[in-house]
Amino acid sequence: MKETDSNKPEVKTRRKLLAGIGVLSAFSLWKATGFFFKKKQVIACAPPEEKKTMKVLSQDGKLVEVDISKIKILKGKISDQELQDWIKK
């Protein structure tokens, strides 16, 4: 009978230890899901970027607005004849 009496305190400490580990793991899961804590809102400090656009003529003859960073600007102008040859009819 002495063997069973000596095992009881050991079993109680194991149960307490396992219960403590279970509670700590539950808190970490709740924190990960945001159950207890609210997420802070982030406010942008910089003003929004203004997109610079340029009106250009497409190959099918339509006037479109294009972001300047997306186009390659040529230094020289083309002639009227080159423009007429370039446009598809």
N, C-alpha and C. Protein backbone atom coordinates (compact mmCIF):
# COMPACT_ATOMS: atom_id res chain seq x y z
N MET A 1 0.80 -1.19 0.00
CA MET A 1 0.00 0.00 0.00
C MET A 1 0.85 1.27 0.00
N LYS A 2 2.04 1.17 0.48
CA LYS A 2 2.90 2.34 0.53
C LYS A 2 3.27 2.82 -0.88
N GLU A 3 3.34 1.92 -1.84
CA GLU A 3 3.68 2.30 -3.21
C GLU A 3 2.60 3.18 -3.83
N THR A 4 1.34 2.87 -3.60
CA THR A 4 0.26 3.68 -4.15
C THR A 4 0.18 5.03 -3.46
N ASP A 5 0.50 5.09 -2.17
CA ASP A 5 0.49 6.36 -1.46
C ASP A 5 1.59 7.28 -1.96
N SER A 6 2.72 6.74 -2.30
CA SER A 6 3.83 7.55 -2.78
C SER A 6 3.58 8.05 -4.21
N ASN A 7 2.75 7.38 -5.00
CA ASN A 7 2.46 7.78 -6.37
C ASN A 7 1.44 8.91 -6.43
N LYS A 8 0.58 9.05 -5.44
CA LYS A 8 -0.47 10.07 -5.49
C LYS A 8 0.08 11.49 -5.55
N PRO A 9 1.01 11.90 -4.73
CA PRO A 9 1.54 13.27 -4.87
C PRO A 9 2.23 13.49 -6.20
N GLU A 10 2.89 12.47 -6.70
CA GLU A 10 3.57 12.60 -7.98
C GLU A 10 2.57 12.79 -9.12
N VAL A 11 1.46 12.06 -9.05
CA VAL A 11 0.42 12.18 -10.07
C VAL A 11 -0.22 13.56 -10.00
N LYS A 12 -0.43 14.09 -8.81
CA LYS A 12 -1.04 15.41 -8.66
C LYS A 12 -0.14 16.50 -9.22
N THR A 13 1.14 16.41 -9.02
CA THR A 13 2.05 17.41 -9.56
C THR A 13 2.12 17.32 -11.09
N ARG A 14 2.05 16.13 -11.63
CA ARG A 14 2.02 15.97 -13.10
C ARG A 14 0.76 16.59 -13.67
N ARG A 15 -0.36 16.34 -13.00
CA ARG A 15 -1.62 16.90 -13.48
C ARG A 15 -1.58 18.42 -13.43
N LYS A 16 -1.05 18.97 -12.36
CA LYS A 16 -0.94 20.42 -12.26
C LYS A 16 -0.02 20.97 -13.34
N LEU A 17 1.07 20.28 -13.58
CA LEU A 17 2.02 20.72 -14.61
C LEU A 17 1.37 20.66 -15.99
N LEU A 18 0.68 19.58 -16.30
CA LEU A 18 0.02 19.45 -17.59
C LEU A 18 -1.11 20.46 -17.73
N ALA A 19 -1.84 20.72 -16.65
CA ALA A 19 -2.91 21.72 -16.70
C ALA A 19 -2.32 23.11 -16.96
N GLY A 20 -1.20 23.41 -16.32
CA GLY A 20 -0.54 24.71 -16.53
C GLY A 20 -0.06 24.87 -17.96
N ILE A 21 0.51 23.84 -18.51
CA ILE A 21 0.97 23.88 -19.91
C ILE A 21 -0.21 24.05 -20.85
N GLY A 22 -1.31 23.37 -20.54
CA GLY A 22 -2.52 23.49 -21.38
C GLY A 22 -3.09 24.89 -21.35
N VAL A 23 -3.11 25.51 -20.18
CA VAL A 23 -3.63 26.88 -20.06
C VAL A 23 -2.73 27.86 -20.81
N LEU A 24 -1.43 27.72 -20.68
CA LEU A 24 -0.51 28.60 -21.41
C LEU A 24 -0.64 28.45 -22.92
N SER A 25 -0.81 27.23 -23.38
CA SER A 25 -0.98 27.03 -24.82
C SER A 25 -2.30 27.62 -25.30
N ALA A 26 -3.34 27.54 -24.46
CA ALA A 26 -4.63 28.12 -24.83
C ALA A 26 -4.51 29.65 -24.94
N PHE A 27 -3.77 30.28 -24.03
CA PHE A 27 -3.57 31.73 -24.11
C PHE A 27 -2.83 32.12 -25.39
N SER A 28 -1.85 31.34 -25.78
CA SER A 28 -1.10 31.67 -27.00
C SER A 28 -2.00 31.53 -28.22
N LEU A 29 -2.89 30.54 -28.22
CA LEU A 29 -3.81 30.40 -29.35
C LEU A 29 -4.80 31.55 -29.38
N TRP A 30 -5.30 31.96 -28.22
CA TRP A 30 -6.23 33.08 -28.19
C TRP A 30 -5.57 34.37 -28.62
N LYS A 31 -4.32 34.55 -28.25
CA LYS A 31 -3.60 35.76 -28.66
C LYS A 31 -3.37 35.76 -30.17
N ALA A 32 -3.05 34.60 -30.71
CA ALA A 32 -2.80 34.50 -32.15
C ALA A 32 -4.07 34.80 -32.95
N THR A 33 -5.21 34.43 -32.43
CA THR A 33 -6.46 34.68 -33.14
C THR A 33 -7.02 36.05 -32.84
N GLY A 34 -6.43 36.76 -31.87
CA GLY A 34 -6.89 38.10 -31.54
C GLY A 34 -8.12 38.10 -30.65
N PHE A 35 -8.31 37.07 -29.88
CA PHE A 35 -9.50 36.96 -29.04
C PHE A 35 -9.47 38.00 -27.92
N PHE A 36 -8.33 38.19 -27.27
CA PHE A 36 -8.25 39.11 -26.16
C PHE A 36 -7.78 40.51 -26.57
N PHE A 37 -6.97 40.60 -27.60
CA PHE A 37 -6.33 41.85 -27.95
C PHE A 37 -6.86 42.39 -29.27
N LYS A 38 -7.07 43.69 -29.31
CA LYS A 38 -7.50 44.33 -30.55
C LYS A 38 -6.26 44.77 -31.32
N LYS A 39 -6.34 44.69 -32.63
CA LYS A 39 -5.22 45.13 -33.46
C LYS A 39 -5.24 46.64 -33.58
N LYS A 40 -4.08 47.24 -33.54
CA LYS A 40 -3.97 48.68 -33.65
C LYS A 40 -4.06 49.09 -35.11
N GLN A 41 -4.77 50.19 -35.35
CA GLN A 41 -4.89 50.67 -36.72
C GLN A 41 -3.65 51.50 -37.06
N VAL A 42 -3.15 51.31 -38.25
CA VAL A 42 -1.97 52.03 -38.70
C VAL A 42 -2.42 53.16 -39.60
N ILE A 43 -1.94 54.36 -39.31
CA ILE A 43 -2.30 55.53 -40.09
C ILE A 43 -1.09 55.94 -40.93
N ALA A 44 -1.30 56.11 -42.20
CA ALA A 44 -0.22 56.50 -43.10
C ALA A 44 0.11 57.98 -42.87
N CYS A 45 1.39 58.28 -42.74
CA CYS A 45 1.82 59.65 -42.48
C CYS A 45 2.09 60.41 -43.77
N ALA A 46 2.49 59.73 -44.78
CA ALA A 46 2.85 60.38 -46.04
C ALA A 46 1.60 60.68 -46.86
N PRO A 47 1.60 61.79 -47.57
CA PRO A 47 0.45 62.08 -48.43
C PRO A 47 0.40 61.10 -49.60
N PRO A 48 -0.77 60.85 -50.15
CA PRO A 48 -0.85 59.91 -51.27
C PRO A 48 -0.10 60.44 -52.49
N GLU A 49 0.48 59.54 -53.21
CA GLU A 49 1.24 59.94 -54.40
C GLU A 49 0.29 60.35 -55.52
N GLU A 50 0.65 61.43 -56.17
CA GLU A 50 -0.13 61.88 -57.31
C GLU A 50 0.45 61.22 -58.56
N LYS A 51 -0.39 60.53 -59.29
CA LYS A 51 0.08 59.89 -60.51
C LYS A 51 0.06 60.91 -61.64
N LYS A 52 1.19 61.06 -62.24
CA LYS A 52 1.28 61.98 -63.37
C LYS A 52 0.97 61.22 -64.64
N THR A 53 0.03 61.74 -65.39
CA THR A 53 -0.37 61.08 -66.63
C THR A 53 -0.13 62.01 -67.81
N MET A 54 -0.11 61.41 -68.97
CA MET A 54 0.12 62.14 -70.21
C MET A 54 -0.84 61.59 -71.25
N LYS A 55 -1.43 62.46 -72.03
CA LYS A 55 -2.33 62.02 -73.09
C LYS A 55 -1.50 61.71 -74.33
N VAL A 56 -1.70 60.50 -74.82
CA VAL A 56 -0.98 60.08 -76.03
C VAL A 56 -1.97 59.46 -77.00
N LEU A 57 -1.54 59.39 -78.22
CA LEU A 57 -2.36 58.82 -79.28
C LEU A 57 -1.97 57.36 -79.48
N SER A 58 -2.95 56.45 -79.39
CA SER A 58 -2.65 55.04 -79.60
C SER A 58 -2.57 54.74 -81.08
N GLN A 59 -2.15 53.53 -81.42
CA GLN A 59 -1.93 53.18 -82.82
C GLN A 59 -3.24 53.09 -83.60
N ASP A 60 -4.34 52.81 -82.90
CA ASP A 60 -5.61 52.75 -83.61
C ASP A 60 -6.31 54.10 -83.68
N GLY A 61 -5.64 55.18 -83.23
CA GLY A 61 -6.15 56.53 -83.40
C GLY A 61 -6.94 57.07 -82.22
N LYS A 62 -6.95 56.40 -81.10
CA LYS A 62 -7.68 56.87 -79.92
C LYS A 62 -6.73 57.62 -78.98
N LEU A 63 -7.27 58.65 -78.33
CA LEU A 63 -6.50 59.42 -77.37
C LEU A 63 -6.67 58.78 -76.00
N VAL A 64 -5.56 58.38 -75.37
CA VAL A 64 -5.61 57.70 -74.07
C VAL A 64 -4.66 58.39 -73.10
N GLU A 65 -4.96 58.25 -71.78
CA GLU A 65 -4.08 58.77 -70.74
C GLU A 65 -3.22 57.62 -70.23
N VAL A 66 -1.91 57.86 -70.14
CA VAL A 66 -0.96 56.83 -69.73
C VAL A 66 -0.09 57.40 -68.62
N ASP A 67 0.24 56.56 -67.63
CA ASP A 67 1.15 56.96 -66.56
C ASP A 67 2.53 57.24 -67.17
N ILE A 68 3.12 58.37 -66.79
CA ILE A 68 4.38 58.79 -67.39
C ILE A 68 5.50 57.78 -67.12
N SER A 69 5.46 57.14 -65.96
CA SER A 69 6.53 56.19 -65.64
C SER A 69 6.47 54.94 -66.51
N LYS A 70 5.35 54.70 -67.18
CA LYS A 70 5.19 53.50 -68.00
C LYS A 70 5.57 53.71 -69.47
N ILE A 71 5.82 54.94 -69.86
CA ILE A 71 6.13 55.18 -71.28
C ILE A 71 7.58 55.62 -71.44
N LYS A 72 8.06 55.42 -72.64
CA LYS A 72 9.41 55.83 -73.00
C LYS A 72 9.27 57.09 -73.86
N ILE A 73 9.78 58.20 -73.36
CA ILE A 73 9.63 59.47 -74.07
C ILE A 73 10.79 59.65 -75.04
N LEU A 74 10.44 59.92 -76.29
CA LEU A 74 11.45 60.18 -77.31
C LEU A 74 11.82 61.66 -77.29
N LYS A 75 13.05 61.95 -77.62
CA LYS A 75 13.51 63.34 -77.56
C LYS A 75 13.04 64.15 -78.77
N GLY A 76 12.91 63.53 -79.92
CA GLY A 76 12.53 64.26 -81.12
C GLY A 76 11.08 64.04 -81.50
N LYS A 77 10.52 64.99 -82.22
CA LYS A 77 9.13 64.86 -82.69
C LYS A 77 9.14 64.19 -84.05
N ILE A 78 8.03 63.52 -84.34
CA ILE A 78 7.91 62.87 -85.65
C ILE A 78 7.14 63.80 -86.59
N SER A 79 7.27 63.54 -87.85
CA SER A 79 6.59 64.37 -88.84
C SER A 79 5.15 63.91 -89.00
N ASP A 80 4.35 64.75 -89.66
CA ASP A 80 2.95 64.41 -89.90
C ASP A 80 2.83 63.17 -90.77
N GLN A 81 3.70 63.04 -91.74
CA GLN A 81 3.66 61.88 -92.65
C GLN A 81 3.97 60.59 -91.88
N GLU A 82 4.95 60.62 -90.96
CA GLU A 82 5.26 59.43 -90.15
C GLU A 82 4.09 59.07 -89.27
N LEU A 83 3.39 60.05 -88.73
CA LEU A 83 2.22 59.78 -87.89
C LEU A 83 1.11 59.15 -88.71
N GLN A 84 0.88 59.64 -89.90
CA GLN A 84 -0.18 59.09 -90.74
C GLN A 84 0.14 57.67 -91.18
N ASP A 85 1.41 57.39 -91.42
CA ASP A 85 1.80 56.03 -91.79
C ASP A 85 1.71 55.07 -90.61
N TRP A 86 1.91 55.58 -89.39
CA TRP A 86 1.91 54.74 -88.19
C TRP A 86 0.50 54.33 -87.76
N ILE A 87 -0.49 55.21 -87.96
CA ILE A 87 -1.86 54.94 -87.54
C ILE A 87 -2.48 53.89 -88.44
N LYS A 88 -3.07 52.85 -87.83
CA LYS A 88 -3.76 51.81 -88.58
C LYS A 88 -5.14 52.30 -88.97
N LYS A 89 -5.51 52.02 -90.20
CA LYS A 89 -6.83 52.45 -90.65
C LYS A 89 -7.78 51.29 -90.70
